[in-house]
Amino acid sequence: MGDDEIHRALSRVLLAGLVPPGTKLGEHHLAEIFGVSREKIRKVLQRLGHERLITLEKNRGAFAIAPDLGEARTIYEARRILEGGIVAHLADALDDAGRERLARHVADEDAALASGDRITSIRLSAEFHAILAELTGNPIIIRQMQELVARTMMLVAFFEPDSSSACQCAEHRAVFRSLLARERSKAVRAMTTHLSLVETRLRPRICEAPSASLEDILRMELRSDTAPAPSLSEAAE
């Protein structure tokens, strides 16, 4: 199996909340499950740690993350400040290639929503914000957004109701429409409102302990993941 396949399988079960917080993700055990070397597993775990989907502890290994809802206010405040500035800039600077890229992406979000694929919806939602940062062409802004988006993905996965995916899509499309119209103040308002609404939708959940082992969870995921992850190449409306 390739690195991307292993990463996709692990990220999907983590974002689905199927792996209890604190579960040790041992290199040897995962290598046996996926039929690959420990070195390949170590590389994937480092990638997941960078994305903040797991916790890497020195001399102890990798563990399923326990998202802290108490961090939400600080993180979303930072995102409103940064992303308000991003869309204000893009309202004036967005070119045809950027508009086309965003159009394809929001179409992919709609497709994931229509298919009921919550995990893909979470991933695409995060990518929407990362794309906006990339379109500024500023490496400092891009790095800051990668950090902030990574810190909120697990918050959304664990604490936002499943039904909120439709809200995310509609709110992203409102930001996109404002950018297309080059309406700076409207774009800023749409973005800050969206982020505030996401924050207010986060609620503590009572999570039942899974009846299956980590090995069973991953093997079921591998059997169901017969198609590649959705791309960003579908046409916009």
Protein backbone atom coordinates (compact mmCIF):
# COMPACT_ATOMS: atom_id res chain seq x y z
CA MET A 1 0.00 0.00 0.00
CA GLY A 2 1.11 3.53 -0.70
CA ASP A 3 1.56 6.27 1.89
CA ASP A 4 -1.52 8.12 0.66
CA GLU A 5 -3.75 5.05 0.97
CA ILE A 6 -2.60 4.42 4.53
CA HIS A 7 -2.99 8.10 5.40
CA ARG A 8 -6.50 8.17 3.94
CA ALA A 9 -7.61 5.09 5.88
CA LEU A 10 -6.23 6.36 9.19
CA SER A 11 -7.49 9.91 8.76
CA ARG A 12 -11.00 8.74 7.92
CA VAL A 13 -11.38 6.53 11.00
CA LEU A 14 -9.88 9.26 13.20
CA LEU A 15 -12.18 11.96 11.83
CA ALA A 16 -15.15 9.61 12.15
CA GLY A 17 -14.43 9.31 15.87
CA LEU A 18 -14.10 5.53 15.59
CA VAL A 19 -10.80 5.46 17.49
CA PRO A 20 -11.20 6.37 21.18
CA PRO A 21 -9.06 9.32 22.35
CA GLY A 22 -5.83 8.10 23.85
CA THR A 23 -5.65 4.89 21.81
CA LYS A 24 -2.02 4.03 21.10
CA LEU A 25 -1.23 3.79 17.39
CA GLY A 26 1.71 1.44 17.54
CA GLU A 27 4.00 1.30 14.53
CA HIS A 28 4.44 -2.47 14.69
CA HIS A 29 0.72 -3.16 15.01
CA LEU A 30 -0.19 -0.79 12.16
CA ALA A 31 2.58 -2.22 9.97
CA GLU A 32 1.04 -5.68 10.39
CA ILE A 33 -2.47 -4.43 9.62
CA PHE A 34 -1.43 -2.61 6.45
CA GLY A 35 1.23 -5.11 5.43
CA VAL A 36 3.98 -2.51 5.12
CA SER A 37 7.21 -1.58 6.88
CA ARG A 38 7.37 0.26 10.18
CA GLU A 39 9.31 3.00 8.40
CA LYS A 40 6.36 3.65 6.08
CA ILE A 41 3.96 3.72 9.04
CA ARG A 42 6.28 6.10 10.89
CA LYS A 43 6.23 8.48 7.92
CA VAL A 44 2.42 8.45 7.79
CA LEU A 45 2.14 8.99 11.55
CA GLN A 46 4.47 11.99 11.29
CA ARG A 47 2.19 13.40 8.59
CA LEU A 48 -0.91 12.85 10.73
CA GLY A 49 0.83 14.48 13.67
CA HIS A 50 1.70 17.51 11.55
CA GLU A 51 -1.96 17.73 10.56
CA ARG A 52 -2.91 17.49 14.26
CA LEU A 53 -5.08 14.45 13.69
CA ILE A 54 -3.02 12.50 16.25
CA THR A 55 -0.67 13.31 19.12
CA LEU A 56 3.00 12.38 18.87
CA GLU A 57 4.73 12.04 22.24
CA LYS A 58 8.49 11.75 22.48
CA ASN A 59 9.65 8.31 23.63
CA ARG A 60 6.03 7.13 23.89
CA GLY A 61 4.70 7.06 20.34
CA ALA A 62 1.51 8.10 18.57
CA PHE A 63 -1.96 8.36 20.14
CA ALA A 64 -5.46 9.22 18.98
CA ILE A 65 -6.05 12.85 19.87
CA ALA A 66 -8.50 14.07 22.51
CA PRO A 67 -9.92 17.35 21.11
CA ASP A 68 -10.32 20.14 23.66
CA LEU A 69 -13.55 22.06 23.20
CA GLY A 70 -12.18 24.70 25.55
CA GLU A 71 -9.72 25.78 22.85
CA ALA A 72 -12.47 26.66 20.39
CA ARG A 73 -13.01 30.30 21.41
CA THR A 74 -9.33 31.24 21.10
CA ILE A 75 -8.82 29.36 17.85
CA TYR A 76 -11.91 30.70 16.12
CA GLU A 77 -11.14 34.24 17.25
CA ALA A 78 -7.75 33.92 15.57
CA ARG A 79 -9.36 32.52 12.43
CA ARG A 80 -11.88 35.36 12.21
CA ILE A 81 -9.09 37.93 12.42
CA LEU A 82 -6.88 36.19 9.85
CA GLU A 83 -9.55 35.02 7.41
CA GLY A 84 -11.40 38.31 7.45
CA GLY A 85 -8.20 39.85 6.14
CA ILE A 86 -7.73 37.07 3.58
CA VAL A 87 -11.13 37.52 1.94
CA ALA A 88 -10.82 41.32 2.07
CA HIS A 89 -7.61 40.97 0.06
CA LEU A 90 -9.06 38.41 -2.36
CA ALA A 91 -12.15 40.51 -3.06
CA ASP A 92 -9.80 42.84 -4.93
CA ALA A 93 -7.06 40.44 -6.03
CA LEU A 94 -8.80 37.19 -7.01
CA ASP A 95 -8.03 36.30 -10.64
CA ASP A 96 -9.87 34.05 -13.11
CA ALA A 97 -7.81 30.99 -12.17
CA GLY A 98 -8.60 31.51 -8.50
CA ARG A 99 -12.30 31.92 -9.19
CA GLU A 100 -12.33 28.73 -11.24
CA ARG A 101 -10.49 26.83 -8.52
CA LEU A 102 -12.99 27.94 -5.89
CA ALA A 103 -15.91 27.13 -8.20
CA ARG A 104 -14.66 23.57 -8.64
CA HIS A 105 -14.15 23.22 -4.91
CA VAL A 106 -17.59 24.38 -3.79
CA ALA A 107 -19.06 22.01 -6.40
CA ASP A 108 -17.12 19.16 -4.81
CA GLU A 109 -18.45 20.19 -1.39
CA ASP A 110 -22.00 20.03 -2.73
CA ALA A 111 -21.34 16.58 -4.19
CA ALA A 112 -19.98 15.27 -0.88
CA LEU A 113 -23.02 16.67 0.94
CA ALA A 114 -25.39 15.06 -1.57
CA SER A 115 -23.67 11.68 -1.13
CA GLY A 116 -23.87 11.88 2.67
CA ASP A 117 -20.11 11.51 3.04
CA ARG A 118 -19.47 13.46 6.25
CA ILE A 119 -15.77 12.66 6.45
CA THR A 120 -15.12 13.96 2.94
CA SER A 121 -17.27 16.99 3.77
CA ILE A 122 -15.06 17.77 6.77
CA ARG A 123 -11.91 17.42 4.68
CA LEU A 124 -13.26 19.59 1.85
CA SER A 125 -14.49 22.20 4.31
CA ALA A 126 -11.00 22.52 5.75
CA GLU A 127 -9.52 22.66 2.24
CA PHE A 128 -11.80 25.56 1.29
CA HIS A 129 -10.12 27.75 3.89
CA ALA A 130 -6.67 26.48 2.98
CA ILE A 131 -7.30 27.30 -0.69
CA LEU A 132 -8.29 30.87 0.17
CA ALA A 133 -4.99 31.27 2.00
CA GLU A 134 -3.05 29.76 -0.91
CA LEU A 135 -4.69 32.21 -3.32
CA THR A 136 -3.06 35.11 -1.47
CA GLY A 137 0.32 33.76 -2.54
CA ASN A 138 1.74 34.75 0.86
CA PRO A 139 3.72 31.87 2.45
CA ILE A 140 3.39 33.27 5.98
CA ILE A 141 -0.40 33.44 5.71
CA ILE A 142 -0.49 29.95 4.20
CA ARG A 143 1.50 28.47 7.11
CA GLN A 144 -0.66 30.24 9.69
CA MET A 145 -3.84 28.97 8.07
CA GLN A 146 -2.52 25.41 7.85
CA GLU A 147 -1.86 25.52 11.59
CA LEU A 148 -5.27 26.95 12.47
CA VAL A 149 -7.24 24.70 10.13
CA ALA A 150 -5.43 21.64 11.45
CA ARG A 151 -6.33 22.61 15.01
CA THR A 152 -10.02 22.91 14.17
CA MET A 153 -10.55 19.81 12.01
CA MET A 154 -10.82 17.48 15.00
CA LEU A 155 -12.99 19.98 16.89
CA VAL A 156 -15.46 19.92 13.99
CA ALA A 157 -15.24 16.15 13.60
CA PHE A 158 -15.95 15.49 17.29
CA PHE A 159 -18.22 18.34 18.35
CA GLU A 160 -20.22 19.59 15.34
CA PRO A 161 -23.53 17.78 14.62
CA ASP A 162 -23.62 15.66 11.47
CA SER A 163 -26.47 17.79 10.13
CA SER A 164 -24.25 20.88 10.02
CA SER A 165 -22.51 19.89 6.78
CA ALA A 166 -25.29 21.55 4.79
CA CYS A 167 -24.76 24.77 6.73
CA GLN A 168 -21.03 24.69 6.00
CA CYS A 169 -21.67 24.33 2.25
CA ALA A 170 -24.18 27.18 2.17
CA GLU A 171 -21.88 29.45 4.18
CA HIS A 172 -18.90 28.71 1.96
CA ARG A 173 -20.97 29.47 -1.11
CA ALA A 174 -21.98 32.82 0.41
CA VAL A 175 -18.30 33.70 0.83
CA PHE A 176 -17.61 32.57 -2.75
CA ARG A 177 -20.46 34.65 -4.19
CA SER A 178 -19.20 37.75 -2.39
CA LEU A 179 -15.72 37.22 -3.80
CA LEU A 180 -17.10 36.77 -7.31
CA ALA A 181 -18.97 40.06 -6.95
CA ARG A 182 -15.83 41.75 -5.54
CA GLU A 183 -17.85 42.92 -2.55
CA ARG A 184 -15.17 43.29 0.10
CA SER A 185 -17.29 44.17 3.12
CA LYS A 186 -19.84 41.49 2.27
CA ALA A 187 -17.11 38.87 1.89
CA VAL A 188 -15.61 39.78 5.27
CA ARG A 189 -19.03 39.64 6.91
CA ALA A 190 -19.84 36.29 5.28
CA MET A 191 -16.55 34.77 6.45
CA THR A 192 -16.65 36.06 10.03
CA THR A 193 -20.31 35.06 10.34
CA HIS A 194 -19.51 31.58 9.01
CA LEU A 195 -16.68 31.03 11.50
CA SER A 196 -18.80 32.32 14.39
CA LEU A 197 -21.63 29.97 13.42
CA VAL A 198 -19.26 27.00 13.26
CA GLU A 199 -18.05 27.86 16.75
CA THR A 200 -21.58 28.08 18.12
CA ARG A 201 -22.47 24.71 16.56
CA LEU A 202 -19.76 22.89 18.51
CA ARG A 203 -21.35 20.92 21.32
CA PRO A 204 -20.07 18.24 23.74
CA ARG A 205 -20.98 14.73 22.66
CA ILE A 206 -21.44 11.51 24.55
CA CYS A 207 -19.33 9.03 22.57
CA GLU A 208 -20.00 5.34 22.97
CA ALA A 209 -16.96 3.11 23.14
CA PRO A 210 -16.58 1.21 19.86
CA SER A 211 -17.24 -2.52 20.05
CA ALA A 212 -14.56 -3.29 17.44
CA SER A 213 -10.80 -3.30 17.93
CA LEU A 214 -8.48 -0.89 16.11
CA GLU A 215 -7.51 -3.72 13.76
CA ASP A 216 -11.15 -4.52 12.94
CA ILE A 217 -11.97 -0.83 12.43
CA LEU A 218 -9.10 -0.37 10.00
CA ARG A 219 -9.78 -3.59 8.11
CA MET A 220 -13.43 -2.57 7.65
CA GLU A 221 -12.27 0.83 6.41
CA LEU A 222 -9.87 -0.75 3.92
CA ARG A 223 -12.61 -3.01 2.57
CA SER A 224 -14.99 -0.07 2.09
CA ASP A 225 -12.41 2.30 0.61
CA THR A 226 -12.34 0.86 -2.88
CA ALA A 227 -12.51 4.21 -4.69
CA PRO A 228 -9.99 7.07 -4.57
CA ALA A 229 -10.67 10.14 -2.49
CA PRO A 230 -12.79 12.82 -4.22
CA SER A 231 -10.82 15.22 -6.39
CA LEU A 232 -11.28 18.92 -7.03
CA SER A 233 -11.93 18.49 -10.75
CA GLU A 234 -15.71 18.49 -11.01
CA ALA A 235 -17.26 21.41 -12.89
CA ALA A 236 -18.91 24.24 -10.98
CA GLU A 237 -22.52 25.14 -11.29
